[in-house]
Amino acid sequence: MKLSQPISFSDEEVDALFTKTNNQIHYLYMKPTSEWDSYDRNNYISLLYKAGFTIQVYGIYSSSVKEEDKYIVESPPKVFYDTKEEAEAEITRLIEKENYNKGDLVVYPLYKIK
């Protein structure tokens, strides 16, 4: 599954969510995204999901990427999988057919904008 619109945490994206859900009194609406911490980002992702703007997918990352950084890495995955099993099967294929070792790659769940 390829999704073209990652969660960017931009001020425009945040404004759109809170305007569409008529929730401009939420603390995240007033707080600049440049000051958000991981709690704020997770809270925002939860709000996007509850509003029906996102779906859960699975991405393959280098094991050097921490799970809390999965949304803010410089080069996010280009391909996403519907299930964790599909992503793990792809890791198995990469280890067998490509130049990867066990432990080089990890699967993280994440939410993408529909």
N, C-alpha and C. Protein backbone atom coordinates (compact mmCIF):
# COMPACT_ATOMS: atom_id res chain seq x y z
N MET A 1 0.85 -1.17 0.00
CA MET A 1 0.00 0.00 0.00
C MET A 1 0.90 1.23 0.00
N LYS A 2 0.68 2.12 -0.92
CA LYS A 2 1.42 3.36 -0.95
C LYS A 2 0.47 4.50 -0.62
N LEU A 3 0.86 5.31 0.34
CA LEU A 3 0.07 6.47 0.71
C LEU A 3 0.91 7.70 0.44
N SER A 4 0.29 8.70 -0.13
CA SER A 4 1.07 9.85 -0.59
C SER A 4 1.17 10.96 0.43
N GLN A 5 0.37 10.94 1.47
CA GLN A 5 0.37 12.08 2.37
C GLN A 5 0.75 11.67 3.78
N PRO A 6 2.02 11.86 4.15
CA PRO A 6 2.42 11.54 5.52
C PRO A 6 1.91 12.61 6.49
N ILE A 7 1.87 12.26 7.74
CA ILE A 7 1.53 13.25 8.77
C ILE A 7 2.73 14.17 8.90
N SER A 8 2.50 15.45 8.70
CA SER A 8 3.63 16.39 8.67
C SER A 8 3.71 17.28 9.90
N PHE A 9 2.66 17.33 10.69
CA PHE A 9 2.62 18.19 11.87
C PHE A 9 2.81 19.66 11.51
N SER A 10 2.39 20.04 10.32
CA SER A 10 2.51 21.44 9.91
C SER A 10 1.39 22.26 10.54
N ASP A 11 1.61 23.56 10.67
CA ASP A 11 0.59 24.43 11.23
C ASP A 11 -0.68 24.40 10.36
N GLU A 12 -0.51 24.30 9.05
CA GLU A 12 -1.66 24.26 8.14
C GLU A 12 -2.48 22.99 8.35
N GLU A 13 -1.79 21.86 8.51
CA GLU A 13 -2.46 20.57 8.74
C GLU A 13 -3.23 20.61 10.06
N VAL A 14 -2.59 21.14 11.09
CA VAL A 14 -3.22 21.24 12.41
C VAL A 14 -4.44 22.14 12.34
N ASP A 15 -4.31 23.28 11.70
CA ASP A 15 -5.43 24.20 11.55
C ASP A 15 -6.60 23.53 10.83
N ALA A 16 -6.30 22.76 9.80
CA ALA A 16 -7.35 22.08 9.04
C ALA A 16 -8.10 21.08 9.92
N LEU A 17 -7.36 20.29 10.73
CA LEU A 17 -8.02 19.32 11.60
C LEU A 17 -8.96 20.01 12.58
N PHE A 18 -8.47 21.00 13.29
CA PHE A 18 -9.28 21.62 14.32
C PHE A 18 -10.41 22.46 13.75
N THR A 19 -10.24 22.99 12.56
CA THR A 19 -11.32 23.72 11.91
C THR A 19 -12.40 22.74 11.44
N LYS A 20 -12.00 21.65 10.81
CA LYS A 20 -12.97 20.66 10.32
C LYS A 20 -13.73 19.98 11.44
N THR A 21 -13.08 19.81 12.59
CA THR A 21 -13.75 19.16 13.72
C THR A 21 -14.36 20.18 14.69
N ASN A 22 -14.23 21.46 14.36
CA ASN A 22 -14.79 22.54 15.17
C ASN A 22 -14.30 22.45 16.62
N ASN A 23 -12.98 22.29 16.75
CA ASN A 23 -12.37 22.07 18.06
C ASN A 23 -11.21 23.04 18.29
N GLN A 24 -11.41 24.30 17.97
CA GLN A 24 -10.34 25.29 18.09
C GLN A 24 -9.97 25.64 19.53
N ILE A 25 -10.67 25.06 20.50
CA ILE A 25 -10.31 25.34 21.90
C ILE A 25 -9.30 24.33 22.44
N HIS A 26 -8.96 23.32 21.65
CA HIS A 26 -8.01 22.30 22.09
C HIS A 26 -6.63 22.95 22.28
N TYR A 27 -5.91 22.50 23.30
CA TYR A 27 -4.61 23.10 23.61
C TYR A 27 -3.61 23.00 22.45
N LEU A 28 -3.70 21.93 21.65
CA LEU A 28 -2.76 21.79 20.53
C LEU A 28 -3.00 22.83 19.44
N TYR A 29 -4.22 23.29 19.32
CA TYR A 29 -4.52 24.31 18.32
C TYR A 29 -3.76 25.60 18.62
N MET A 30 -3.61 25.89 19.89
CA MET A 30 -2.93 27.13 20.30
C MET A 30 -1.42 26.99 20.42
N LYS A 31 -0.95 25.78 20.55
CA LYS A 31 0.48 25.55 20.77
C LYS A 31 1.20 25.39 19.43
N PRO A 32 2.25 26.18 19.17
CA PRO A 32 2.98 26.04 17.90
C PRO A 32 3.56 24.63 17.75
N THR A 33 3.44 24.07 16.56
CA THR A 33 3.93 22.70 16.34
C THR A 33 5.42 22.58 16.57
N SER A 34 6.16 23.67 16.43
CA SER A 34 7.60 23.63 16.67
C SER A 34 7.92 23.36 18.13
N GLU A 35 6.95 23.53 19.02
CA GLU A 35 7.14 23.30 20.45
C GLU A 35 6.54 21.97 20.92
N TRP A 36 5.98 21.19 20.00
CA TRP A 36 5.37 19.92 20.38
C TRP A 36 6.42 18.90 20.78
N ASP A 37 6.10 18.11 21.79
CA ASP A 37 6.94 16.98 22.18
C ASP A 37 6.26 15.69 21.70
N SER A 38 6.81 14.55 22.06
CA SER A 38 6.25 13.29 21.57
C SER A 38 4.83 13.06 22.11
N TYR A 39 4.53 13.52 23.31
CA TYR A 39 3.17 13.41 23.85
C TYR A 39 2.19 14.19 22.98
N ASP A 40 2.56 15.42 22.61
CA ASP A 40 1.70 16.25 21.77
C ASP A 40 1.48 15.61 20.40
N ARG A 41 2.55 15.09 19.80
CA ARG A 41 2.41 14.44 18.48
C ARG A 41 1.49 13.23 18.56
N ASN A 42 1.66 12.42 19.61
CA ASN A 42 0.80 11.24 19.78
C ASN A 42 -0.65 11.65 20.02
N ASN A 43 -0.87 12.69 20.78
CA ASN A 43 -2.21 13.20 21.03
C ASN A 43 -2.85 13.66 19.72
N TYR A 44 -2.10 14.37 18.91
CA TYR A 44 -2.59 14.85 17.62
C TYR A 44 -2.93 13.68 16.70
N ILE A 45 -2.07 12.68 16.66
CA ILE A 45 -2.32 11.50 15.83
C ILE A 45 -3.60 10.81 16.28
N SER A 46 -3.81 10.73 17.57
CA SER A 46 -5.03 10.14 18.11
C SER A 46 -6.26 10.94 17.67
N LEU A 47 -6.16 12.25 17.70
CA LEU A 47 -7.27 13.09 17.26
C LEU A 47 -7.55 12.90 15.76
N LEU A 48 -6.50 12.81 14.96
CA LEU A 48 -6.69 12.55 13.53
C LEU A 48 -7.41 11.22 13.32
N TYR A 49 -6.99 10.21 14.06
CA TYR A 49 -7.60 8.88 13.92
C TYR A 49 -9.07 8.91 14.33
N LYS A 50 -9.36 9.52 15.47
CA LYS A 50 -10.74 9.59 15.95
C LYS A 50 -11.64 10.36 14.98
N ALA A 51 -11.08 11.33 14.28
CA ALA A 51 -11.85 12.11 13.32
C ALA A 51 -12.00 11.39 11.98
N GLY A 52 -11.35 10.23 11.83
CA GLY A 52 -11.47 9.45 10.60
C GLY A 52 -10.55 9.91 9.48
N PHE A 53 -9.52 10.66 9.80
CA PHE A 53 -8.61 11.19 8.78
C PHE A 53 -7.43 10.29 8.49
N THR A 54 -7.22 9.26 9.33
CA THR A 54 -6.04 8.42 9.17
C THR A 54 -6.40 6.95 9.18
N ILE A 55 -5.46 6.14 8.75
CA ILE A 55 -5.56 4.69 8.85
C ILE A 55 -4.25 4.18 9.44
N GLN A 56 -4.32 3.04 10.10
CA GLN A 56 -3.10 2.45 10.64
C GLN A 56 -2.45 1.57 9.58
N VAL A 57 -1.15 1.73 9.46
CA VAL A 57 -0.34 0.94 8.54
C VAL A 57 0.93 0.53 9.28
N TYR A 58 1.78 -0.21 8.59
CA TYR A 58 3.05 -0.65 9.18
C TYR A 58 4.17 -0.29 8.23
N GLY A 59 5.25 0.22 8.78
CA GLY A 59 6.41 0.59 7.98
C GLY A 59 7.66 -0.12 8.45
N ILE A 60 8.58 -0.28 7.53
CA ILE A 60 9.86 -0.90 7.84
C ILE A 60 10.90 0.21 7.98
N TYR A 61 11.61 0.17 9.09
CA TYR A 61 12.62 1.18 9.40
C TYR A 61 13.95 0.50 9.71
N SER A 62 15.01 1.26 9.59
CA SER A 62 16.30 0.80 10.07
C SER A 62 16.21 0.66 11.57
N SER A 63 16.89 -0.33 12.11
CA SER A 63 16.84 -0.55 13.56
C SER A 63 17.47 0.61 14.34
N SER A 64 18.16 1.50 13.66
CA SER A 64 18.73 2.67 14.34
C SER A 64 17.68 3.74 14.63
N VAL A 65 16.49 3.63 14.03
CA VAL A 65 15.41 4.59 14.26
C VAL A 65 14.62 4.15 15.49
N LYS A 66 14.49 5.06 16.43
CA LYS A 66 13.69 4.78 17.63
C LYS A 66 12.21 4.93 17.28
N GLU A 67 11.39 4.14 17.94
CA GLU A 67 9.96 4.18 17.62
C GLU A 67 9.37 5.58 17.81
N GLU A 68 9.81 6.29 18.82
CA GLU A 68 9.26 7.63 19.06
C GLU A 68 9.67 8.63 17.96
N ASP A 69 10.64 8.27 17.14
CA ASP A 69 11.09 9.14 16.04
C ASP A 69 10.52 8.75 14.69
N LYS A 70 9.64 7.76 14.64
CA LYS A 70 9.17 7.22 13.36
C LYS A 70 8.45 8.25 12.50
N TYR A 71 7.86 9.28 13.09
CA TYR A 71 7.16 10.30 12.30
C TYR A 71 8.06 11.46 11.88
N ILE A 72 9.23 11.53 12.46
CA ILE A 72 10.07 12.71 12.20
C ILE A 72 11.42 12.36 11.57
N VAL A 73 11.56 11.14 11.05
CA VAL A 73 12.81 10.76 10.41
C VAL A 73 12.96 11.50 9.08
N GLU A 74 14.20 11.68 8.65
CA GLU A 74 14.49 12.39 7.41
C GLU A 74 13.96 11.65 6.18
N SER A 75 14.05 10.34 6.18
CA SER A 75 13.59 9.56 5.03
C SER A 75 12.64 8.46 5.49
N PRO A 76 11.33 8.79 5.58
CA PRO A 76 10.36 7.79 6.02
C PRO A 76 10.18 6.69 4.97
N PRO A 77 9.61 5.57 5.34
CA PRO A 77 9.39 4.49 4.37
C PRO A 77 8.53 4.97 3.21
N LYS A 78 8.81 4.46 2.03
CA LYS A 78 8.01 4.80 0.85
C LYS A 78 6.87 3.81 0.65
N VAL A 79 6.99 2.64 1.24
CA VAL A 79 5.97 1.60 1.12
C VAL A 79 5.46 1.26 2.51
N PHE A 80 4.14 1.12 2.62
CA PHE A 80 3.51 0.76 3.89
C PHE A 80 2.68 -0.50 3.68
N TYR A 81 2.49 -1.23 4.76
CA TYR A 81 1.81 -2.52 4.71
C TYR A 81 0.56 -2.49 5.56
N ASP A 82 -0.46 -3.22 5.12
CA ASP A 82 -1.73 -3.26 5.83
C ASP A 82 -1.63 -3.98 7.16
N THR A 83 -0.76 -4.97 7.24
CA THR A 83 -0.64 -5.75 8.47
C THR A 83 0.83 -5.85 8.88
N LYS A 84 1.02 -6.12 10.15
CA LYS A 84 2.38 -6.32 10.67
C LYS A 84 3.00 -7.56 10.05
N GLU A 85 2.18 -8.57 9.82
CA GLU A 85 2.67 -9.82 9.23
C GLU A 85 3.23 -9.59 7.82
N GLU A 86 2.55 -8.76 7.03
CA GLU A 86 3.05 -8.44 5.68
C GLU A 86 4.40 -7.74 5.75
N ALA A 87 4.54 -6.81 6.69
CA ALA A 87 5.81 -6.09 6.84
C ALA A 87 6.91 -7.03 7.32
N GLU A 88 6.59 -7.92 8.24
CA GLU A 88 7.59 -8.88 8.72
C GLU A 88 7.99 -9.86 7.62
N ALA A 89 7.04 -10.24 6.77
CA ALA A 89 7.36 -11.11 5.64
C ALA A 89 8.32 -10.41 4.67
N GLU A 90 8.14 -9.11 4.50
CA GLU A 90 9.04 -8.35 3.63
C GLU A 90 10.44 -8.27 4.25
N ILE A 91 10.53 -8.13 5.56
CA ILE A 91 11.84 -8.15 6.21
C ILE A 91 12.52 -9.49 5.97
N THR A 92 11.77 -10.58 6.11
CA THR A 92 12.32 -11.91 5.85
C THR A 92 12.84 -12.01 4.43
N ARG A 93 12.07 -11.48 3.47
CA ARG A 93 12.50 -11.49 2.08
C ARG A 93 13.77 -10.67 1.89
N LEU A 94 13.84 -9.51 2.51
CA LEU A 94 15.02 -8.64 2.39
C LEU A 94 16.26 -9.32 2.97
N ILE A 95 16.10 -10.05 4.06
CA ILE A 95 17.23 -10.76 4.65
C ILE A 95 17.70 -11.88 3.73
N GLU A 96 16.74 -12.59 3.13
CA GLU A 96 17.08 -13.72 2.25
C GLU A 96 17.62 -13.28 0.89
N LYS A 97 17.05 -12.21 0.31
CA LYS A 97 17.36 -11.85 -1.08
C LYS A 97 18.25 -10.61 -1.22
N GLU A 98 18.25 -9.76 -0.22
CA GLU A 98 19.03 -8.52 -0.29
C GLU A 98 20.19 -8.61 0.70
N ASN A 99 20.86 -7.52 0.89
CA ASN A 99 22.05 -7.52 1.75
C ASN A 99 21.71 -7.00 3.15
N TYR A 100 20.74 -7.64 3.82
CA TYR A 100 20.36 -7.26 5.17
C TYR A 100 20.62 -8.42 6.12
N ASN A 101 20.92 -8.06 7.36
CA ASN A 101 21.11 -9.06 8.41
C ASN A 101 19.93 -9.00 9.37
N LYS A 102 19.70 -10.09 10.06
CA LYS A 102 18.65 -10.11 11.07
C LYS A 102 18.97 -9.03 12.11
N GLY A 103 17.98 -8.23 12.44
CA GLY A 103 18.17 -7.14 13.40
C GLY A 103 18.45 -5.79 12.76
N ASP A 104 18.68 -5.76 11.43
CA ASP A 104 18.94 -4.49 10.74
C ASP A 104 17.67 -3.65 10.58
N LEU A 105 16.52 -4.33 10.51
CA LEU A 105 15.26 -3.67 10.21
C LEU A 105 14.22 -3.98 11.28
N VAL A 106 13.31 -3.01 11.50
CA VAL A 106 12.21 -3.20 12.45
C VAL A 106 10.91 -2.72 11.82
N VAL A 107 9.81 -3.23 12.35
CA VAL A 107 8.48 -2.83 11.90
C VAL A 107 7.84 -1.98 12.98
N TYR A 108 7.31 -0.80 12.58
CA TYR A 108 6.59 0.05 13.50
C TYR A 108 5.20 0.33 12.94
N PRO A 109 4.19 0.32 13.81
CA PRO A 109 2.86 0.76 13.37
C PRO A 109 2.84 2.28 13.34
N LEU A 110 2.12 2.83 12.40
CA LEU A 110 1.96 4.27 12.35
C LEU A 110 0.67 4.61 11.64
N TYR A 111 0.30 5.85 11.72
CA TYR A 111 -0.92 6.32 11.09
C TYR A 111 -0.57 7.25 9.94
N LYS A 112 -1.28 7.07 8.85
CA LYS A 112 -1.09 7.90 7.67
C LYS A 112 -2.42 8.57 7.32
N ILE A 113 -2.34 9.75 6.76
CA ILE A 113 -3.55 10.48 6.36
C ILE A 113 -4.14 9.79 5.14
N LYS A 114 -5.46 9.57 5.17
CA LYS A 114 -6.15 8.92 4.05
C LYS A 114 -6.08 9.79 2.81
